[in-house]
Amino acid sequence: MQTEIATVLIDIEAQLRQLGQWDKVPPSAAALASDQPFCVDTLTFPQWLQFVFLPTLYQLMEEGKPLPARSGIEPMAQEYFRGTGVNCAELQRALRQVDKLLSEGAYA
């Protein structure tokens, strides 16, 4: 159900803000044009969530287009935050939930 996905996306944004990982200034067009997974060569993982992942899913839902059939974002968050001391358990929970919803096709 798209409403459930949207709720989790809002939660992801809230968690990023709470962790101080929400940028006020968007990255350059060149940074967003990366062809690497998660734009690892030009963006931090939180920037990728904010400027690529969230807007893409919102746009797909708004346009009534199919959402990805699989998702595996949460392991990337585990790797990114490992050893940082940042308490990102709630962000990881929200990412795990969106992974589950998309991978199970719960949005259909």
N, C-alpha and C. Protein backbone atom coordinates (compact mmCIF):
# COMPACT_ATOMS: atom_id res chain seq x y z
N MET A 1 0.85 -1.18 0.00
CA MET A 1 0.00 0.00 0.00
C MET A 1 0.90 1.24 0.00
N GLN A 2 0.61 2.14 -0.93
CA GLN A 2 1.45 3.32 -1.07
C GLN A 2 1.39 4.24 0.14
N THR A 3 0.29 4.26 0.84
CA THR A 3 0.19 5.09 2.03
C THR A 3 1.20 4.63 3.07
N GLU A 4 1.35 3.33 3.20
CA GLU A 4 2.30 2.77 4.16
C GLU A 4 3.74 3.13 3.76
N ILE A 5 4.04 3.03 2.47
CA ILE A 5 5.37 3.41 1.97
C ILE A 5 5.61 4.89 2.26
N ALA A 6 4.64 5.74 1.94
CA ALA A 6 4.79 7.18 2.16
C ALA A 6 5.04 7.49 3.64
N THR A 7 4.37 6.79 4.51
CA THR A 7 4.56 6.99 5.95
C THR A 7 5.99 6.66 6.36
N VAL A 8 6.52 5.59 5.83
CA VAL A 8 7.90 5.20 6.15
C VAL A 8 8.89 6.21 5.56
N LEU A 9 8.62 6.72 4.37
CA LEU A 9 9.51 7.72 3.77
C LEU A 9 9.55 8.99 4.62
N ILE A 10 8.41 9.38 5.15
CA ILE A 10 8.35 10.55 6.05
C ILE A 10 9.16 10.27 7.31
N ASP A 11 9.09 9.04 7.79
CA ASP A 11 9.86 8.64 8.98
C ASP A 11 11.36 8.69 8.69
N ILE A 12 11.76 8.25 7.50
CA ILE A 12 13.18 8.30 7.13
C ILE A 12 13.66 9.75 7.13
N GLU A 13 12.87 10.64 6.55
CA GLU A 13 13.24 12.06 6.56
C GLU A 13 13.36 12.58 7.99
N ALA A 14 12.41 12.24 8.82
CA ALA A 14 12.43 12.70 10.22
C ALA A 14 13.67 12.19 10.94
N GLN A 15 14.03 10.94 10.70
CA GLN A 15 15.22 10.37 11.34
C GLN A 15 16.49 11.07 10.87
N LEU A 16 16.58 11.34 9.57
CA LEU A 16 17.75 12.05 9.05
C LEU A 16 17.87 13.43 9.69
N ARG A 17 16.75 14.11 9.83
CA ARG A 17 16.76 15.43 10.46
C ARG A 17 17.20 15.33 11.92
N GLN A 18 16.64 14.36 12.62
CA GLN A 18 16.96 14.19 14.04
C GLN A 18 18.44 13.87 14.25
N LEU A 19 19.02 13.15 13.31
CA LEU A 19 20.43 12.78 13.41
C LEU A 19 21.36 13.90 12.93
N GLY A 20 20.78 15.01 12.45
CA GLY A 20 21.59 16.09 11.92
C GLY A 20 22.21 15.75 10.58
N GLN A 21 21.57 14.84 9.86
CA GLN A 21 22.07 14.37 8.57
C GLN A 21 21.24 14.91 7.39
N TRP A 22 20.49 15.95 7.62
CA TRP A 22 19.63 16.54 6.58
C TRP A 22 20.29 17.83 6.11
N ASP A 23 20.63 17.89 4.84
CA ASP A 23 21.32 19.06 4.29
C ASP A 23 20.33 20.13 3.85
N LYS A 24 20.68 21.38 4.12
CA LYS A 24 19.84 22.51 3.70
C LYS A 24 20.12 22.88 2.25
N VAL A 25 21.32 22.60 1.77
CA VAL A 25 21.72 22.96 0.41
C VAL A 25 21.88 21.68 -0.41
N PRO A 26 21.20 21.60 -1.55
CA PRO A 26 21.32 20.40 -2.37
C PRO A 26 22.70 20.31 -3.03
N PRO A 27 23.14 19.10 -3.34
CA PRO A 27 24.41 18.94 -4.03
C PRO A 27 24.30 19.45 -5.47
N SER A 28 25.43 19.61 -6.11
CA SER A 28 25.46 20.09 -7.49
C SER A 28 24.81 19.07 -8.42
N ALA A 29 24.44 19.54 -9.59
CA ALA A 29 23.87 18.64 -10.61
C ALA A 29 24.89 17.56 -10.98
N ALA A 30 26.15 17.93 -11.02
CA ALA A 30 27.19 16.95 -11.35
C ALA A 30 27.26 15.84 -10.29
N ALA A 31 27.14 16.21 -9.03
CA ALA A 31 27.17 15.21 -7.96
C ALA A 31 25.98 14.26 -8.07
N LEU A 32 24.83 14.81 -8.42
CA LEU A 32 23.63 13.99 -8.56
C LEU A 32 23.66 13.11 -9.81
N ALA A 33 24.51 13.44 -10.75
CA ALA A 33 24.57 12.70 -12.02
C ALA A 33 25.48 11.48 -11.94
N SER A 34 25.99 11.15 -10.78
CA SER A 34 26.88 10.00 -10.63
C SER A 34 26.21 8.74 -11.16
N ASP A 35 27.03 7.88 -11.76
CA ASP A 35 26.49 6.60 -12.24
C ASP A 35 26.86 5.45 -11.30
N GLN A 36 27.45 5.78 -10.16
CA GLN A 36 27.83 4.78 -9.17
C GLN A 36 26.64 4.45 -8.26
N PRO A 37 26.55 3.20 -7.79
CA PRO A 37 25.48 2.86 -6.84
C PRO A 37 25.54 3.79 -5.63
N PHE A 38 24.40 4.28 -5.22
CA PHE A 38 24.26 5.18 -4.08
C PHE A 38 25.07 6.47 -4.25
N CYS A 39 25.52 6.75 -5.47
CA CYS A 39 26.35 7.94 -5.75
C CYS A 39 27.53 8.00 -4.78
N VAL A 40 28.13 6.84 -4.50
CA VAL A 40 29.18 6.77 -3.49
C VAL A 40 30.38 7.64 -3.80
N ASP A 41 30.55 8.00 -5.06
CA ASP A 41 31.71 8.82 -5.43
C ASP A 41 31.45 10.32 -5.27
N THR A 42 30.20 10.70 -5.07
CA THR A 42 29.89 12.14 -5.02
C THR A 42 29.03 12.57 -3.83
N LEU A 43 28.31 11.64 -3.20
CA LEU A 43 27.41 11.97 -2.11
C LEU A 43 27.67 11.08 -0.90
N THR A 44 27.33 11.58 0.28
CA THR A 44 27.31 10.71 1.45
C THR A 44 26.03 9.88 1.36
N PHE A 45 25.96 8.83 2.14
CA PHE A 45 24.75 8.01 2.13
C PHE A 45 23.51 8.82 2.54
N PRO A 46 23.58 9.63 3.61
CA PRO A 46 22.41 10.44 3.95
C PRO A 46 22.01 11.41 2.83
N GLN A 47 22.99 11.97 2.13
CA GLN A 47 22.67 12.85 1.00
C GLN A 47 21.95 12.06 -0.09
N TRP A 48 22.41 10.84 -0.35
CA TRP A 48 21.77 10.01 -1.37
C TRP A 48 20.31 9.73 -0.98
N LEU A 49 20.09 9.41 0.30
CA LEU A 49 18.72 9.19 0.75
C LEU A 49 17.88 10.45 0.51
N GLN A 50 18.41 11.60 0.91
CA GLN A 50 17.66 12.85 0.83
C GLN A 50 17.42 13.33 -0.59
N PHE A 51 18.44 13.25 -1.42
CA PHE A 51 18.34 13.88 -2.74
C PHE A 51 18.09 12.93 -3.90
N VAL A 52 18.19 11.63 -3.67
CA VAL A 52 17.95 10.66 -4.74
C VAL A 52 16.82 9.69 -4.36
N PHE A 53 17.01 8.95 -3.28
CA PHE A 53 16.07 7.89 -2.91
C PHE A 53 14.67 8.42 -2.60
N LEU A 54 14.58 9.33 -1.65
CA LEU A 54 13.25 9.84 -1.26
C LEU A 54 12.54 10.54 -2.42
N PRO A 55 13.19 11.48 -3.13
CA PRO A 55 12.48 12.14 -4.22
C PRO A 55 12.05 11.18 -5.33
N THR A 56 12.88 10.17 -5.61
CA THR A 56 12.54 9.21 -6.66
C THR A 56 11.28 8.43 -6.28
N LEU A 57 11.22 7.94 -5.06
CA LEU A 57 10.04 7.17 -4.66
C LEU A 57 8.80 8.04 -4.59
N TYR A 58 8.95 9.26 -4.08
CA TYR A 58 7.79 10.17 -4.05
C TYR A 58 7.29 10.44 -5.47
N GLN A 59 8.20 10.67 -6.39
CA GLN A 59 7.81 10.97 -7.77
C GLN A 59 7.11 9.77 -8.41
N LEU A 60 7.65 8.58 -8.21
CA LEU A 60 7.02 7.38 -8.77
C LEU A 60 5.60 7.22 -8.23
N MET A 61 5.42 7.43 -6.94
CA MET A 61 4.08 7.29 -6.35
C MET A 61 3.14 8.37 -6.89
N GLU A 62 3.64 9.60 -6.99
CA GLU A 62 2.82 10.70 -7.47
C GLU A 62 2.36 10.46 -8.91
N GLU A 63 3.23 9.90 -9.72
CA GLU A 63 2.92 9.65 -11.12
C GLU A 63 2.21 8.32 -11.35
N GLY A 64 2.00 7.56 -10.29
CA GLY A 64 1.31 6.28 -10.40
C GLY A 64 2.14 5.22 -11.10
N LYS A 65 3.44 5.39 -11.10
CA LYS A 65 4.33 4.42 -11.74
C LYS A 65 4.71 3.33 -10.75
N PRO A 66 5.13 2.19 -11.28
CA PRO A 66 5.52 1.08 -10.38
C PRO A 66 6.73 1.46 -9.53
N LEU A 67 6.70 1.01 -8.31
CA LEU A 67 7.83 1.18 -7.41
C LEU A 67 8.80 0.02 -7.62
N PRO A 68 10.04 0.17 -7.17
CA PRO A 68 10.99 -0.94 -7.32
C PRO A 68 10.43 -2.21 -6.67
N ALA A 69 10.70 -3.34 -7.30
CA ALA A 69 10.19 -4.61 -6.78
C ALA A 69 11.08 -5.17 -5.68
N ARG A 70 12.29 -4.63 -5.56
CA ARG A 70 13.22 -5.08 -4.52
C ARG A 70 13.96 -3.88 -3.98
N SER A 71 14.36 -3.99 -2.73
CA SER A 71 15.12 -2.92 -2.11
C SER A 71 16.04 -3.52 -1.06
N GLY A 72 17.22 -2.97 -0.95
CA GLY A 72 18.18 -3.42 0.04
C GLY A 72 18.99 -2.25 0.56
N ILE A 73 18.30 -1.24 1.05
CA ILE A 73 18.94 0.00 1.49
C ILE A 73 19.52 -0.13 2.90
N GLU A 74 18.86 -0.84 3.76
CA GLU A 74 19.27 -0.90 5.17
C GLU A 74 20.69 -1.40 5.37
N PRO A 75 21.17 -2.42 4.64
CA PRO A 75 22.57 -2.83 4.83
C PRO A 75 23.57 -1.71 4.50
N MET A 76 23.22 -0.85 3.55
CA MET A 76 24.10 0.27 3.22
C MET A 76 24.19 1.23 4.42
N ALA A 77 23.07 1.44 5.09
CA ALA A 77 23.07 2.31 6.28
C ALA A 77 23.94 1.69 7.37
N GLN A 78 23.83 0.39 7.56
CA GLN A 78 24.67 -0.28 8.56
C GLN A 78 26.14 -0.04 8.27
N GLU A 79 26.51 -0.20 7.03
CA GLU A 79 27.91 -0.01 6.64
C GLU A 79 28.35 1.44 6.80
N TYR A 80 27.52 2.37 6.34
CA TYR A 80 27.88 3.79 6.40
C TYR A 80 28.08 4.26 7.84
N PHE A 81 27.18 3.87 8.73
CA PHE A 81 27.23 4.38 10.11
C PHE A 81 28.10 3.54 11.05
N ARG A 82 28.61 2.40 10.57
CA ARG A 82 29.44 1.53 11.41
C ARG A 82 30.63 2.30 11.95
N GLY A 83 30.81 2.24 13.25
CA GLY A 83 31.95 2.86 13.88
C GLY A 83 31.87 4.37 14.04
N THR A 84 30.74 4.98 13.67
CA THR A 84 30.63 6.44 13.77
C THR A 84 30.17 6.90 15.14
N GLY A 85 29.56 5.99 15.89
CA GLY A 85 29.00 6.37 17.18
C GLY A 85 27.64 7.03 17.08
N VAL A 86 27.14 7.18 15.85
CA VAL A 86 25.81 7.77 15.64
C VAL A 86 24.76 6.71 15.95
N ASN A 87 23.80 7.06 16.81
CA ASN A 87 22.73 6.13 17.14
C ASN A 87 21.66 6.21 16.05
N CYS A 88 21.81 5.35 15.05
CA CYS A 88 20.92 5.41 13.90
C CYS A 88 19.96 4.21 13.87
N ALA A 89 19.69 3.61 15.02
CA ALA A 89 18.83 2.43 15.09
C ALA A 89 17.45 2.70 14.50
N GLU A 90 16.89 3.86 14.78
CA GLU A 90 15.55 4.17 14.27
C GLU A 90 15.57 4.39 12.76
N LEU A 91 16.61 5.01 12.25
CA LEU A 91 16.76 5.18 10.79
C LEU A 91 16.89 3.81 10.14
N GLN A 92 17.70 2.94 10.72
CA GLN A 92 17.86 1.60 10.16
C GLN A 92 16.56 0.83 10.21
N ARG A 93 15.80 1.00 11.27
CA ARG A 93 14.50 0.33 11.37
C ARG A 93 13.59 0.79 10.24
N ALA A 94 13.55 2.10 9.99
CA ALA A 94 12.70 2.64 8.93
C ALA A 94 13.17 2.15 7.56
N LEU A 95 14.46 2.10 7.35
CA LEU A 95 14.99 1.61 6.07
C LEU A 95 14.69 0.13 5.89
N ARG A 96 14.81 -0.63 6.97
CA ARG A 96 14.47 -2.06 6.91
C ARG A 96 12.99 -2.23 6.56
N GLN A 97 12.15 -1.36 7.11
CA GLN A 97 10.71 -1.44 6.83
C GLN A 97 10.42 -1.12 5.37
N VAL A 98 11.06 -0.10 4.82
CA VAL A 98 10.81 0.23 3.41
C VAL A 98 11.36 -0.88 2.51
N ASP A 99 12.50 -1.46 2.88
CA ASP A 99 13.03 -2.60 2.13
C ASP A 99 12.01 -3.73 2.10
N LYS A 100 11.45 -4.02 3.26
CA LYS A 100 10.48 -5.12 3.37
C LYS A 100 9.23 -4.83 2.55
N LEU A 101 8.70 -3.63 2.67
CA LEU A 101 7.48 -3.28 1.94
C LEU A 101 7.69 -3.36 0.43
N LEU A 102 8.79 -2.83 -0.05
CA LEU A 102 9.05 -2.86 -1.48
C LEU A 102 9.32 -4.27 -1.96
N SER A 103 10.14 -5.01 -1.21
CA SER A 103 10.52 -6.36 -1.63
C SER A 103 9.36 -7.34 -1.59
N GLU A 104 8.42 -7.10 -0.71
CA GLU A 104 7.26 -7.99 -0.61
C GLU A 104 6.14 -7.54 -1.53
N GLY A 105 6.31 -6.40 -2.17
CA GLY A 105 5.26 -5.92 -3.06
C GLY A 105 4.05 -5.42 -2.29
N ALA A 106 4.26 -4.97 -1.05
CA ALA A 106 3.14 -4.52 -0.21
C ALA A 106 2.53 -3.24 -0.73
N TYR A 107 3.15 -2.61 -1.70
CA TYR A 107 2.65 -1.35 -2.26
C TYR A 107 1.62 -1.57 -3.34
N ALA A 108 1.52 -2.79 -3.82
CA ALA A 108 0.62 -3.05 -4.97
C ALA A 108 -0.84 -2.98 -4.57
